[in-house]
Amino acid sequence: MTEADILATTYDDRVTVYRPHKEVLDTGESIFRKGTEGKMVYQETECALSTHSGGQVKQTASIATAPTTYCLFTRPEVDIQENDFLVILHLGKVVEAIAGRPERMVSHNNVPVKMAEEIL
């Protein structure tokens, strides 16, 4: 069993990955497809969504925010690219996000993600 196999046993989430692409219609018109209209490259692939910052409260004037950074961990052979649209099934909830630039390692990929909406 490899290190990638061992880490994958901790992946309880699933991700479907859509890649933005340009499509040329029969009329010759080009359209750009993104989000769930993009090209599906992975469907319900094992992953783990995690948070690094833990949602630390930041107070400025009368407004308090709790910005949270998230990472998606996948097996090393999963080729998620920057700006891919991700639909993640996390703890029974569907979460939509945009992929940042992945950090690729022998044992796993660490993909920073920006949530379309915060997880409640």
PDB file of N, CA and C in Angstrom:
ATOM      1  N   MET A   1       0.847  -1.173   0.000  1.00  0.00           N
ATOM      2  CA  MET A   1       0.000   0.000   0.000  1.00  0.00           C
ATOM      3  C   MET A   1       0.898   1.243   0.000  1.00  0.00           C
ATOM      4  N   THR A   2       0.639   2.166  -0.928  1.00  0.00           N
ATOM      5  CA  THR A   2       1.447   3.379  -1.042  1.00  0.00           C
ATOM      6  C   THR A   2       0.950   4.457  -0.083  1.00  0.00           C
ATOM      7  N   GLU A   3       1.749   5.495   0.071  1.00  0.00           N
ATOM      8  CA  GLU A   3       1.340   6.625   0.909  1.00  0.00           C
ATOM      9  C   GLU A   3       0.065   7.273   0.361  1.00  0.00           C
ATOM     10  N   ALA A   4      -0.060   7.350  -0.968  1.00  0.00           N
ATOM     11  CA  ALA A   4      -1.275   7.898  -1.588  1.00  0.00           C
ATOM     12  C   ALA A   4      -2.494   7.050  -1.229  1.00  0.00           C
ATOM     13  N   ASP A   5      -2.345   5.727  -1.208  1.00  0.00           N
ATOM     14  CA  ASP A   5      -3.444   4.832  -0.843  1.00  0.00           C
ATOM     15  C   ASP A   5      -3.846   5.027   0.616  1.00  0.00           C
ATOM     16  N   ILE A   6      -2.850   5.193   1.471  1.00  0.00           N
ATOM     17  CA  ILE A   6      -3.131   5.379   2.902  1.00  0.00           C
ATOM     18  C   ILE A   6      -3.884   6.688   3.130  1.00  0.00           C
ATOM     19  N   LEU A   7      -3.410   7.773   2.519  1.00  0.00           N
ATOM     20  CA  LEU A   7      -4.098   9.063   2.668  1.00  0.00           C
ATOM     21  C   LEU A   7      -5.520   9.011   2.104  1.00  0.00           C
ATOM     22  N   ALA A   8      -5.698   8.298   1.003  1.00  0.00           N
ATOM     23  CA  ALA A   8      -7.020   8.210   0.369  1.00  0.00           C
ATOM     24  C   ALA A   8      -8.053   7.548   1.273  1.00  0.00           C
ATOM     25  N   THR A   9      -7.621   6.746   2.242  1.00  0.00           N
ATOM     26  CA  THR A   9      -8.581   6.131   3.163  1.00  0.00           C
ATOM     27  C   THR A   9      -9.244   7.177   4.063  1.00  0.00           C
ATOM     28  N   THR A  10      -8.680   8.384   4.125  1.00  0.00           N
ATOM     29  CA  THR A  10      -9.265   9.458   4.944  1.00  0.00           C
ATOM     30  C   THR A  10     -10.197  10.353   4.142  1.00  0.00           C
ATOM     31  N   TYR A  11     -10.332  10.113   2.841  1.00  0.00           N
ATOM     32  CA  TYR A  11     -11.161  10.959   1.987  1.00  0.00           C
ATOM     33  C   TYR A  11     -12.630  10.543   2.097  1.00  0.00           C
ATOM     34  N   ASP A  12     -13.425  11.373   2.760  1.00  0.00           N
ATOM     35  CA  ASP A  12     -14.848  11.075   2.959  1.00  0.00           C
ATOM     36  C   ASP A  12     -15.761  11.891   2.058  1.00  0.00           C
ATOM     37  N   ASP A  13     -15.202  12.828   1.288  1.00  0.00           N
ATOM     38  CA  ASP A  13     -16.004  13.693   0.430  1.00  0.00           C
ATOM     39  C   ASP A  13     -15.897  13.228  -1.019  1.00  0.00           C
ATOM     40  N   ARG A  14     -16.707  13.828  -1.885  1.00  0.00           N
ATOM     41  CA  ARG A  14     -16.703  13.524  -3.324  1.00  0.00           C
ATOM     42  C   ARG A  14     -16.708  14.836  -4.090  1.00  0.00           C
ATOM     43  N   VAL A  15     -16.000  14.871  -5.215  1.00  0.00           N
ATOM     44  CA  VAL A  15     -15.968  16.078  -6.041  1.00  0.00           C
ATOM     45  C   VAL A  15     -16.253  15.734  -7.497  1.00  0.00           C
ATOM     46  N   THR A  16     -17.051  16.582  -8.135  1.00  0.00           N
ATOM     47  CA  THR A  16     -17.243  16.536  -9.577  1.00  0.00           C
ATOM     48  C   THR A  16     -16.586  17.798 -10.122  1.00  0.00           C
ATOM     49  N   VAL A  17     -15.739  17.637 -11.135  1.00  0.00           N
ATOM     50  CA  VAL A  17     -14.918  18.735 -11.642  1.00  0.00           C
ATOM     51  C   VAL A  17     -15.356  19.096 -13.063  1.00  0.00           C
ATOM     52  N   TYR A  18     -15.620  20.394 -13.270  1.00  0.00           N
ATOM     53  CA  TYR A  18     -15.985  20.920 -14.589  1.00  0.00           C
ATOM     54  C   TYR A  18     -14.898  21.891 -15.033  1.00  0.00           C
ATOM     55  N   ARG A  19     -14.423  21.728 -16.263  1.00  0.00           N
ATOM     56  CA  ARG A  19     -13.361  22.576 -16.794  1.00  0.00           C
ATOM     57  C   ARG A  19     -13.957  23.569 -17.794  1.00  0.00           C
ATOM     58  N   PRO A  20     -13.646  24.863 -17.633  1.00  0.00           N
ATOM     59  CA  PRO A  20     -14.136  25.849 -18.596  1.00  0.00           C
ATOM     60  C   PRO A  20     -13.572  25.560 -19.987  1.00  0.00           C
ATOM     61  N   HIS A  21     -14.374  25.821 -21.021  1.00  0.00           N
ATOM     62  CA  HIS A  21     -13.881  25.622 -22.382  1.00  0.00           C
ATOM     63  C   HIS A  21     -14.660  26.491 -23.362  1.00  0.00           C
ATOM     64  N   LYS A  22     -14.051  26.719 -24.515  1.00  0.00           N
ATOM     65  CA  LYS A  22     -14.683  27.482 -25.585  1.00  0.00           C
ATOM     66  C   LYS A  22     -15.302  26.499 -26.562  1.00  0.00           C
ATOM     67  N   GLU A  23     -16.522  26.801 -26.989  1.00  0.00           N
ATOM     68  CA  GLU A  23     -17.228  25.928 -27.919  1.00  0.00           C
ATOM     69  C   GLU A  23     -17.621  26.748 -29.142  1.00  0.00           C
ATOM     70  N   VAL A  24     -17.449  26.183 -30.326  1.00  0.00           N
ATOM     71  CA  VAL A  24     -17.849  26.856 -31.554  1.00  0.00           C
ATOM     72  C   VAL A  24     -19.169  26.234 -32.015  1.00  0.00           C
ATOM     73  N   LEU A  25     -20.195  27.074 -32.143  1.00  0.00           N
ATOM     74  CA  LEU A  25     -21.507  26.615 -32.576  1.00  0.00           C
ATOM     75  C   LEU A  25     -21.523  26.410 -34.084  1.00  0.00           C
ATOM     76  N   ASP A  26     -22.577  25.756 -34.600  1.00  0.00           N
ATOM     77  CA  ASP A  26     -22.724  25.521 -36.034  1.00  0.00           C
ATOM     78  C   ASP A  26     -22.756  26.830 -36.811  1.00  0.00           C
ATOM     79  N   THR A  27     -23.204  27.898 -36.171  1.00  0.00           N
ATOM     80  CA  THR A  27     -23.281  29.217 -36.811  1.00  0.00           C
ATOM     81  C   THR A  27     -21.917  29.889 -36.917  1.00  0.00           C
ATOM     82  N   GLY A  28     -20.888  29.293 -36.308  1.00  0.00           N
ATOM     83  CA  GLY A  28     -19.552  29.872 -36.305  1.00  0.00           C
ATOM     84  C   GLY A  28     -19.293  30.745 -35.089  1.00  0.00           C
ATOM     85  N   GLU A  29     -20.322  30.963 -34.295  1.00  0.00           N
ATOM     86  CA  GLU A  29     -20.191  31.783 -33.084  1.00  0.00           C
ATOM     87  C   GLU A  29     -19.461  30.986 -31.997  1.00  0.00           C
ATOM     88  N   SER A  30     -18.562  31.665 -31.303  1.00  0.00           N
ATOM     89  CA  SER A  30     -17.850  31.042 -30.184  1.00  0.00           C
ATOM     90  C   SER A  30     -18.501  31.443 -28.880  1.00  0.00           C
ATOM     91  N   ILE A  31     -18.678  30.465 -28.005  1.00  0.00           N
ATOM     92  CA  ILE A  31     -19.201  30.763 -26.672  1.00  0.00           C
ATOM     93  C   ILE A  31     -18.284  30.097 -25.647  1.00  0.00           C
ATOM     94  N   PHE A  32     -18.210  30.746 -24.491  1.00  0.00           N
ATOM     95  CA  PHE A  32     -17.356  30.244 -23.415  1.00  0.00           C
ATOM     96  C   PHE A  32     -18.251  29.568 -22.392  1.00  0.00           C
ATOM     97  N   ARG A  33     -17.999  28.307 -22.111  1.00  0.00           N
ATOM     98  CA  ARG A  33     -18.786  27.549 -21.136  1.00  0.00           C
ATOM     99  C   ARG A  33     -17.993  27.446 -19.844  1.00  0.00           C
ATOM    100  N   LYS A  34     -18.636  27.780 -18.723  1.00  0.00           N
ATOM    101  CA  LYS A  34     -17.984  27.665 -17.421  1.00  0.00           C
ATOM    102  C   LYS A  34     -18.990  27.181 -16.400  1.00  0.00           C
ATOM    103  N   GLY A  35     -18.537  26.981 -15.172  1.00  0.00           N
ATOM    104  CA  GLY A  35     -19.425  26.437 -14.138  1.00  0.00           C
ATOM    105  C   GLY A  35     -19.840  25.024 -14.514  1.00  0.00           C
ATOM    106  N   THR A  36     -21.079  24.668 -14.192  1.00  0.00           N
ATOM    107  CA  THR A  36     -21.558  23.318 -14.509  1.00  0.00           C
ATOM    108  C   THR A  36     -21.846  23.133 -15.995  1.00  0.00           C
ATOM    109  N   GLU A  37     -21.734  24.211 -16.783  1.00  0.00           N
ATOM    110  CA  GLU A  37     -21.867  24.089 -18.239  1.00  0.00           C
ATOM    111  C   GLU A  37     -20.530  23.740 -18.893  1.00  0.00           C
ATOM    112  N   GLY A  38     -19.450  23.769 -18.102  1.00  0.00           N
ATOM    113  CA  GLY A  38     -18.133  23.404 -18.613  1.00  0.00           C
ATOM    114  C   GLY A  38     -18.058  21.906 -18.886  1.00  0.00           C
ATOM    115  N   LYS A  39     -16.900  21.469 -19.344  1.00  0.00           N
ATOM    116  CA  LYS A  39     -16.697  20.058 -19.659  1.00  0.00           C
ATOM    117  C   LYS A  39     -16.407  19.280 -18.376  1.00  0.00           C
ATOM    118  N   MET A  40     -17.218  18.253 -18.089  1.00  0.00           N
ATOM    119  CA  MET A  40     -16.998  17.431 -16.899  1.00  0.00           C
ATOM    120  C   MET A  40     -15.765  16.560 -17.125  1.00  0.00           C
ATOM    121  N   VAL A  41     -14.786  16.693 -16.216  1.00  0.00           N
ATOM    122  CA  VAL A  41     -13.555  15.906 -16.348  1.00  0.00           C
ATOM    123  C   VAL A  41     -13.432  14.822 -15.284  1.00  0.00           C
ATOM    124  N   TYR A  42     -14.102  14.995 -14.151  1.00  0.00           N
ATOM    125  CA  TYR A  42     -14.145  13.971 -13.093  1.00  0.00           C
ATOM    126  C   TYR A  42     -15.542  13.988 -12.486  1.00  0.00           C
ATOM    127  N   GLN A  43     -16.034  12.813 -12.132  1.00  0.00           N
ATOM    128  CA  GLN A  43     -17.353  12.720 -11.513  1.00  0.00           C
ATOM    129  C   GLN A  43     -17.257  11.930 -10.211  1.00  0.00           C
ATOM    130  N   GLU A  44     -17.714  12.566  -9.130  1.00  0.00           N
ATOM    131  CA  GLU A  44     -17.767  11.958  -7.801  1.00  0.00           C
ATOM    132  C   GLU A  44     -16.461  11.260  -7.431  1.00  0.00           C
ATOM    133  N   THR A  45     -15.366  11.967  -7.579  1.00  0.00           N
ATOM    134  CA  THR A  45     -14.035  11.475  -7.240  1.00  0.00           C
ATOM    135  C   THR A  45     -13.776  11.671  -5.752  1.00  0.00           C
ATOM    136  N   GLU A  46     -13.155  10.702  -5.121  1.00  0.00           N
ATOM    137  CA  GLU A  46     -12.839  10.798  -3.684  1.00  0.00           C
ATOM    138  C   GLU A  46     -11.969  12.016  -3.412  1.00  0.00           C
ATOM    139  N   CYS A  47     -12.272  12.706  -2.301  1.00  0.00           N
ATOM    140  CA  CYS A  47     -11.486  13.868  -1.899  1.00  0.00           C
ATOM    141  C   CYS A  47     -11.753  14.152  -0.423  1.00  0.00           C
ATOM    142  N   ALA A  48     -11.066  15.157   0.090  1.00  0.00           N
ATOM    143  CA  ALA A  48     -11.315  15.627   1.455  1.00  0.00           C
ATOM    144  C   ALA A  48     -11.241  17.144   1.443  1.00  0.00           C
ATOM    145  N   LEU A  49     -12.314  17.800   1.891  1.00  0.00           N
ATOM    146  CA  LEU A  49     -12.341  19.254   2.005  1.00  0.00           C
ATOM    147  C   LEU A  49     -11.939  19.622   3.415  1.00  0.00           C
ATOM    148  N   SER A  50     -10.993  20.540   3.528  1.00  0.00           N
ATOM    149  CA  SER A  50     -10.463  20.913   4.830  1.00  0.00           C
ATOM    150  C   SER A  50     -10.325  22.426   4.904  1.00  0.00           C
ATOM    151  N   THR A  51     -10.218  22.952   6.123  1.00  0.00           N
ATOM    152  CA  THR A  51     -10.009  24.377   6.313  1.00  0.00           C
ATOM    153  C   THR A  51      -8.702  24.612   7.052  1.00  0.00           C
ATOM    154  N   HIS A  52      -7.957  25.627   6.602  1.00  0.00           N
ATOM    155  CA  HIS A  52      -6.690  25.960   7.246  1.00  0.00           C
ATOM    156  C   HIS A  52      -6.864  27.021   8.319  1.00  0.00           C
ATOM    157  N   SER A  53      -7.680  28.022   8.033  1.00  0.00           N
ATOM    158  CA  SER A  53      -7.754  29.159   8.948  1.00  0.00           C
ATOM    159  C   SER A  53      -8.747  28.955  10.077  1.00  0.00           C
ATOM    160  N   GLY A  54      -9.680  28.045   9.901  1.00  0.00           N
ATOM    161  CA  GLY A  54     -10.651  27.784  10.960  1.00  0.00           C
ATOM    162  C   GLY A  54     -11.647  28.897  11.188  1.00  0.00           C
ATOM    163  N   GLY A  55     -11.717  29.880  10.291  1.00  0.00           N
ATOM    164  CA  GLY A  55     -12.701  30.940  10.402  1.00  0.00           C
ATOM    165  C   GLY A  55     -12.447  31.895  11.547  1.00  0.00           C
ATOM    166  N   GLN A  56     -11.216  32.370  11.686  1.00  0.00           N
ATOM    167  CA  GLN A  56     -10.891  33.315  12.751  1.00  0.00           C
ATOM    168  C   GLN A  56     -11.668  34.611  12.549  1.00  0.00           C
ATOM    169  N   VAL A  57     -12.264  35.130  13.617  1.00  0.00           N
ATOM    170  CA  VAL A  57     -13.049  36.361  13.541  1.00  0.00           C
ATOM    171  C   VAL A  57     -12.114  37.555  13.393  1.00  0.00           C
ATOM    172  N   LYS A  58     -12.446  38.436  12.429  1.00  0.00           N
ATOM    173  CA  LYS A  58     -11.701  39.676  12.219  1.00  0.00           C
ATOM    174  C   LYS A  58     -12.678  40.833  12.372  1.00  0.00           C
ATOM    175  N   GLN A  59     -12.380  41.743  13.287  1.00  0.00           N
ATOM    176  CA  GLN A  59     -13.262  42.870  13.587  1.00  0.00           C
ATOM    177  C   GLN A  59     -12.654  44.142  13.018  1.00  0.00           C
ATOM    178  N   THR A  60     -13.398  44.834  12.166  1.00  0.00           N
ATOM    179  CA  THR A  60     -13.009  46.152  11.686  1.00  0.00           C
ATOM    180  C   THR A  60     -14.207  47.067  11.833  1.00  0.00           C
ATOM    181  N   ALA A  61     -14.027  48.142  12.575  1.00  0.00           N
ATOM    182  CA  ALA A  61     -15.124  49.084  12.863  1.00  0.00           C
ATOM    183  C   ALA A  61     -16.294  48.319  13.459  1.00  0.00           C
ATOM    184  N   SER A  62     -17.439  48.394  12.832  1.00  0.00           N
ATOM    185  CA  SER A  62     -18.617  47.718  13.390  1.00  0.00           C
ATOM    186  C   SER A  62     -18.947  46.418  12.673  1.00  0.00           C
ATOM    187  N   ILE A  63     -18.071  45.989  11.777  1.00  0.00           N
ATOM    188  CA  ILE A  63     -18.333  44.775  10.996  1.00  0.00           C
ATOM    189  C   ILE A  63     -17.354  43.678  11.404  1.00  0.00           C
ATOM    190  N   ALA A  64     -17.904  42.519  11.711  1.00  0.00           N
ATOM    191  CA  ALA A  64     -17.063  41.353  12.012  1.00  0.00           C
ATOM    192  C   ALA A  64     -17.231  40.331  10.901  1.00  0.00           C
ATOM    193  N   THR A  65     -16.123  39.781  10.444  1.00  0.00           N
ATOM    194  CA  THR A  65     -16.161  38.727   9.435  1.00  0.00           C
ATOM    195  C   THR A  65     -15.345  37.542   9.933  1.00  0.00           C
ATOM    196  N   ALA A  66     -15.583  36.408   9.340  1.00  0.00           N
ATOM    197  CA  ALA A  66     -14.812  35.211   9.681  1.00  0.00           C
ATOM    198  C   ALA A  66     -14.367  34.545   8.391  1.00  0.00           C
ATOM    199  N   PRO A  67     -13.424  35.191   7.662  1.00  0.00           N
ATOM    200  CA  PRO A  67     -12.973  34.591   6.404  1.00  0.00           C
ATOM    201  C   PRO A  67     -12.287  33.257   6.658  1.00  0.00           C
ATOM    202  N   THR A  68     -12.594  32.295   5.812  1.00  0.00           N
ATOM    203  CA  THR A  68     -12.063  30.953   5.974  1.00  0.00           C
ATOM    204  C   THR A  68     -11.434  30.512   4.663  1.00  0.00           C
ATOM    205  N   THR A  69     -10.251  29.943   4.746  1.00  0.00           N
ATOM    206  CA  THR A  69      -9.622  29.391   3.553  1.00  0.00           C
ATOM    207  C   THR A  69      -9.805  27.878   3.570  1.00  0.00           C
ATOM    208  N   TYR A  70     -10.030  27.317   2.394  1.00  0.00           N
ATOM    209  CA  TYR A  70     -10.277  25.889   2.269  1.00  0.00           C
ATOM    210  C   TYR A  70      -9.279  25.258   1.310  1.00  0.00           C
ATOM    211  N   CYS A  71      -9.026  23.980   1.512  1.00  0.00           N
ATOM    212  CA  CYS A  71      -8.201  23.178   0.614  1.00  0.00           C
ATOM    213  C   CYS A  71      -8.932  21.876   0.314  1.00  0.00           C
ATOM    214  N   LEU A  72      -8.727  21.413  -0.890  1.00  0.00           N
ATOM    215  CA  LEU A  72      -9.278  20.131  -1.301  1.00  0.00           C
ATOM    216  C   LEU A  72      -8.101  19.188  -1.514  1.00  0.00           C
ATOM    217  N   PHE A  73      -8.140  18.048  -0.848  1.00  0.00           N
ATOM    218  CA  PHE A  73      -7.090  17.041  -0.987  1.00  0.00           C
ATOM    219  C   PHE A  73      -7.601  15.929  -1.891  1.00  0.00           C
ATOM    220  N   THR A  74      -6.775  15.544  -2.868  1.00  0.00           N
ATOM    221  CA  THR A  74      -7.142  14.467  -3.790  1.00  0.00           C
ATOM    222  C   THR A  74      -5.938  13.547  -3.993  1.00  0.00           C
ATOM    223  N   ARG A  75      -6.187  12.427  -4.638  1.00  0.00           N
ATOM    224  CA  ARG A  75      -5.098  11.532  -5.010  1.00  0.00           C
ATOM    225  C   ARG A  75      -4.208  12.244  -6.031  1.00  0.00           C
ATOM    226  N   PRO A  76      -2.931  11.870  -6.124  1.00  0.00           N
ATOM    227  CA  PRO A  76      -2.009  12.582  -7.020  1.00  0.00           C
ATOM    228  C   PRO A  76      -2.356  12.479  -8.500  1.00  0.00           C
ATOM    229  N   GLU A  77      -3.049  11.435  -8.900  1.00  0.00           N
ATOM    230  CA  GLU A  77      -3.382  11.286 -10.322  1.00  0.00           C
ATOM    231  C   GLU A  77      -4.583  12.115 -10.762  1.00  0.00           C
ATOM    232  N   VAL A  78      -5.300  12.730  -9.829  1.00  0.00           N
ATOM    233  CA  VAL A  78      -6.443  13.583 -10.164  1.00  0.00           C
ATOM    234  C   VAL A  78      -5.901  14.944 -10.592  1.00  0.00           C
ATOM    235  N   ASP A  79      -6.148  15.313 -11.850  1.00  0.00           N
ATOM    236  CA  ASP A  79      -5.572  16.530 -12.429  1.00  0.00           C
ATOM    237  C   ASP A  79      -6.577  17.681 -12.389  1.00  0.00           C
ATOM    238  N   ILE A  80      -6.777  18.248 -11.206  1.00  0.00           N
ATOM    239  CA  ILE A  80      -7.598  19.453 -11.078  1.00  0.00           C
ATOM    240  C   ILE A  80      -6.709  20.628 -11.440  1.00  0.00           C
ATOM    241  N   GLN A  81      -7.246  21.540 -12.273  1.00  0.00           N
ATOM    242  CA  GLN A  81      -6.469  22.683 -12.726  1.00  0.00           C
ATOM    243  C   GLN A  81      -7.064  23.981 -12.196  1.00  0.00           C
ATOM    244  N   GLU A  82      -6.237  25.011 -12.184  1.00  0.00           N
ATOM    245  CA  GLU A  82      -6.674  26.325 -11.731  1.00  0.00           C
ATOM    246  C   GLU A  82      -7.894  26.773 -12.537  1.00  0.00           C
ATOM    247  N   ASN A  83      -8.886  27.322 -11.848  1.00  0.00           N
ATOM    248  CA  ASN A  83     -10.150  27.817 -12.411  1.00  0.00           C
ATOM    249  C   ASN A  83     -11.154  26.731 -12.756  1.00  0.00           C
ATOM    250  N   ASP A  84     -10.867  25.461 -12.447  1.00  0.00           N
ATOM    251  CA  ASP A  84     -11.890  24.431 -12.598  1.00  0.00           C
ATOM    252  C   ASP A  84     -13.018  24.727 -11.622  1.00  0.00           C
ATOM    253  N   PHE A  85     -14.251  24.395 -12.014  1.00  0.00           N
ATOM    254  CA  PHE A  85     -15.419  24.568 -11.152  1.00  0.00           C
ATOM    255  C   PHE A  85     -15.662  23.247 -10.434  1.00  0.00           C
ATOM    256  N   LEU A  86     -15.777  23.300  -9.123  1.00  0.00           N
ATOM    257  CA  LEU A  86     -15.899  22.097  -8.304  1.00  0.00           C
ATOM    258  C   LEU A  86     -17.266  22.029  -7.640  1.00  0.00           C
ATOM    259  N   VAL A  87     -17.903  20.882  -7.722  1.00  0.00           N
ATOM    260  CA  VAL A  87     -19.124  20.610  -6.968  1.00  0.00           C
ATOM    261  C   VAL A  87     -18.746  19.513  -5.981  1.00  0.00           C
ATOM    262  N   ILE A  88     -18.678  19.899  -4.698  1.00  0.00           N
ATOM    263  CA  ILE A  88     -18.159  19.010  -3.658  1.00  0.00           C
ATOM    264  C   ILE A  88     -19.299  18.566  -2.760  1.00  0.00           C
ATOM    265  N   LEU A  89     -19.403  17.266  -2.527  1.00  0.00           N
ATOM    266  CA  LEU A  89     -20.346  16.739  -1.546  1.00  0.00           C
ATOM    267  C   LEU A  89     -19.569  16.594  -0.246  1.00  0.00           C
ATOM    268  N   HIS A  90     -19.858  17.496   0.715  1.00  0.00           N
ATOM    269  CA  HIS A  90     -19.108  17.582   1.972  1.00  0.00           C
ATOM    270  C   HIS A  90     -20.080  17.514   3.141  1.00  0.00           C
ATOM    271  N   LEU A  91     -19.948  16.490   3.971  1.00  0.00           N
ATOM    272  CA  LEU A  91     -20.802  16.303   5.146  1.00  0.00           C
ATOM    273  C   LEU A  91     -22.287  16.353   4.794  1.00  0.00           C
ATOM    274  N   GLY A  92     -22.622  15.749   3.665  1.00  0.00           N
ATOM    275  CA  GLY A  92     -24.019  15.677   3.245  1.00  0.00           C
ATOM    276  C   GLY A  92     -24.547  16.933   2.576  1.00  0.00           C
ATOM    277  N   LYS A  93     -23.705  17.963   2.405  1.00  0.00           N
ATOM    278  CA  LYS A  93     -24.121  19.203   1.749  1.00  0.00           C
ATOM    279  C   LYS A  93     -23.345  19.388   0.458  1.00  0.00           C
ATOM    280  N   VAL A  94     -23.995  20.028  -0.512  1.00  0.00           N
ATOM    281  CA  VAL A  94     -23.329  20.320  -1.778  1.00  0.00           C
ATOM    282  C   VAL A  94     -22.689  21.701  -1.668  1.00  0.00           C
ATOM    283  N   VAL A  95     -21.405  21.758  -1.982  1.00  0.00           N
ATOM    284  CA  VAL A  95     -20.634  22.993  -1.905  1.00  0.00           C
ATOM    285  C   VAL A  95     -20.040  23.252  -3.283  1.00  0.00           C
ATOM    286  N   GLU A  96     -20.187  24.485  -3.777  1.00  0.00           N
ATOM    287  CA  GLU A  96     -19.603  24.854  -5.060  1.00  0.00           C
ATOM    288  C   GLU A  96     -18.402  25.752  -4.825  1.00  0.00           C
ATOM    289  N   ALA A  97     -17.341  25.536  -5.619  1.00  0.00           N
ATOM    290  CA  ALA A  97     -16.100  26.285  -5.413  1.00  0.00           C
ATOM    291  C   ALA A  97     -15.326  26.386  -6.723  1.00  0.00           C
ATOM    292  N   ILE A  98     -14.342  27.281  -6.709  1.00  0.00           N
ATOM    293  CA  ILE A  98     -13.414  27.449  -7.832  1.00  0.00           C
ATOM    294  C   ILE A  98     -12.032  27.009  -7.351  1.00  0.00           C
ATOM    295  N   ALA A  99     -11.340  26.228  -8.176  1.00  0.00           N
ATOM    296  CA  ALA A  99     -10.013  25.726  -7.813  1.00  0.00           C
ATOM    297  C   ALA A  99      -8.947  26.792  -8.025  1.00  0.00           C
ATOM    298  N   GLY A 100      -8.018  26.852  -7.071  1.00  0.00           N
ATOM    299  CA  GLY A 100      -6.823  27.672  -7.223  1.00  0.00           C
ATOM    300  C   GLY A 100      -5.713  26.820  -7.815  1.00  0.00           C
ATOM    301  N   ARG A 101      -4.494  27.315  -7.764  1.00  0.00           N
ATOM    302  CA  ARG A 101      -3.357  26.572  -8.321  1.00  0.00           C
ATOM    303  C   ARG A 101      -2.993  25.412  -7.400  1.00  0.00           C
ATOM    304  N   PRO A 102      -3.070  24.169  -7.887  1.00  0.00           N
ATOM    305  CA  PRO A 102      -2.795  23.006  -7.050  1.00  0.00           C
ATOM    306  C   PRO A 102      -1.322  22.874  -6.678  1.00  0.00           C
ATOM    307  N   GLU A 103      -1.094  22.354  -5.489  1.00  0.00           N
ATOM    308  CA  GLU A 103       0.239  21.963  -5.060  1.00  0.00           C
ATOM    309  C   GLU A 103       0.283  20.445  -5.208  1.00  0.00           C
ATOM    310  N   ARG A 104       1.127  19.964  -6.106  1.00  0.00           N
ATOM    311  CA  ARG A 104       1.158  18.537  -6.427  1.00  0.00           C
ATOM    312  C   ARG A 104       2.313  17.852  -5.697  1.00  0.00           C
ATOM    313  N   MET A 105       1.979  16.731  -5.059  1.00  0.00           N
ATOM    314  CA  MET A 105       2.981  15.950  -4.342  1.00  0.00           C
ATOM    315  C   MET A 105       2.858  14.488  -4.750  1.00  0.00           C
ATOM    316  N   VAL A 106       3.800  13.695  -4.369  1.00  0.00           N
ATOM    317  CA  VAL A 106       3.776  12.270  -4.710  1.00  0.00           C
ATOM    318  C   VAL A 106       2.596  11.581  -4.032  1.00  0.00           C
ATOM    319  N   SER A 107       2.257  12.007  -2.824  1.00  0.00           N
ATOM    320  CA  SER A 107       1.222  11.326  -2.043  1.00  0.00           C
ATOM    321  C   SER A 107      -0.178  11.891  -2.242  1.00  0.00           C
ATOM    322  N   HIS A 108      -0.283  13.167  -2.665  1.00  0.00           N
ATOM    323  CA  HIS A 108      -1.595  13.801  -2.813  1.00  0.00           C
ATOM    324  C   HIS A 108      -1.464  15.147  -3.514  1.00  0.00           C
ATOM    325  N   ASN A 109      -2.602  15.699  -3.895  1.00  0.00           N
ATOM    326  CA  ASN A 109      -2.675  17.071  -4.396  1.00  0.00           C
ATOM    327  C   ASN A 109      -3.376  17.907  -3.348  1.00  0.00           C
ATOM    328  N   ASN A 110      -2.908  19.128  -3.172  1.00  0.00           N
ATOM    329  CA  ASN A 110      -3.495  20.075  -2.234  1.00  0.00           C
ATOM    330  C   ASN A 110      -3.989  21.250  -3.077  1.00  0.00           C
ATOM    331  N   VAL A 111      -5.311  21.366  -3.236  1.00  0.00           N
ATOM    332  CA  VAL A 111      -5.895  22.369  -4.118  1.00  0.00           C
ATOM    333  C   VAL A 111      -6.579  23.448  -3.281  1.00  0.00           C
ATOM    334  N   PRO A 112      -6.068  24.691  -3.286  1.00  0.00           N
ATOM    335  CA  PRO A 112      -6.786  25.752  -2.583  1.00  0.00           C
ATOM    336  C   PRO A 112      -8.085  26.042  -3.335  1.00  0.00           C
ATOM    337  N   VAL A 113      -9.162  26.278  -2.605  1.00  0.00           N
ATOM    338  CA  VAL A 113     -10.445  26.538  -3.249  1.00  0.00           C
ATOM    339  C   VAL A 113     -11.077  27.798  -2.673  1.00  0.00           C
ATOM    340  N   LYS A 114     -11.821  28.479  -3.535  1.00  0.00           N
ATOM    341  CA  LYS A 114     -12.596  29.643  -3.128  1.00  0.00           C
ATOM    342  C   LYS A 114     -14.057  29.249  -3.237  1.00  0.00           C
ATOM    343  N   MET A 115     -14.756  29.351  -2.125  1.00  0.00           N
ATOM    344  CA  MET A 115     -16.157  28.940  -2.104  1.00  0.00           C
ATOM    345  C   MET A 115     -17.040  29.934  -2.842  1.00  0.00           C
ATOM    346  N   ALA A 116     -18.019  29.413  -3.597  1.00  0.00           N
ATOM    347  CA  ALA A 116     -19.022  30.267  -4.218  1.00  0.00           C
ATOM    348  C   ALA A 116     -19.909  30.847  -3.110  1.00  0.00           C
ATOM    349  N   GLU A 117     -20.170  30.043  -2.064  1.00  0.00           N
ATOM    350  CA  GLU A 117     -20.904  30.466  -0.872  1.00  0.00           C
ATOM    351  C   GLU A 117     -20.243  29.821   0.324  1.00  0.00           C
ATOM    352  N   GLU A 118     -20.256  30.497   1.459  1.00  0.00           N
ATOM    353  CA  GLU A 118     -19.667  29.933   2.666  1.00  0.00           C
ATOM    354  C   GLU A 118     -20.463  28.718   3.127  1.00  0.00           C
ATOM    355  N   ILE A 119     -19.786  27.757   3.720  1.00  0.00           N
ATOM    356  CA  ILE A 119     -20.430  26.581   4.289  1.00  0.00           C
ATOM    357  C   ILE A 119     -21.087  26.980   5.601  1.00  0.00           C
ATOM    358  N   LEU A 120     -22.336  26.620   5.772  1.00  0.00           N
ATOM    359  CA  LEU A 120     -23.043  26.941   7.019  1.00  0.00           C
ATOM    360  C   LEU A 120     -23.130  25.729   7.912  1.00  0.00           C
TER     361      LEU A 120
END
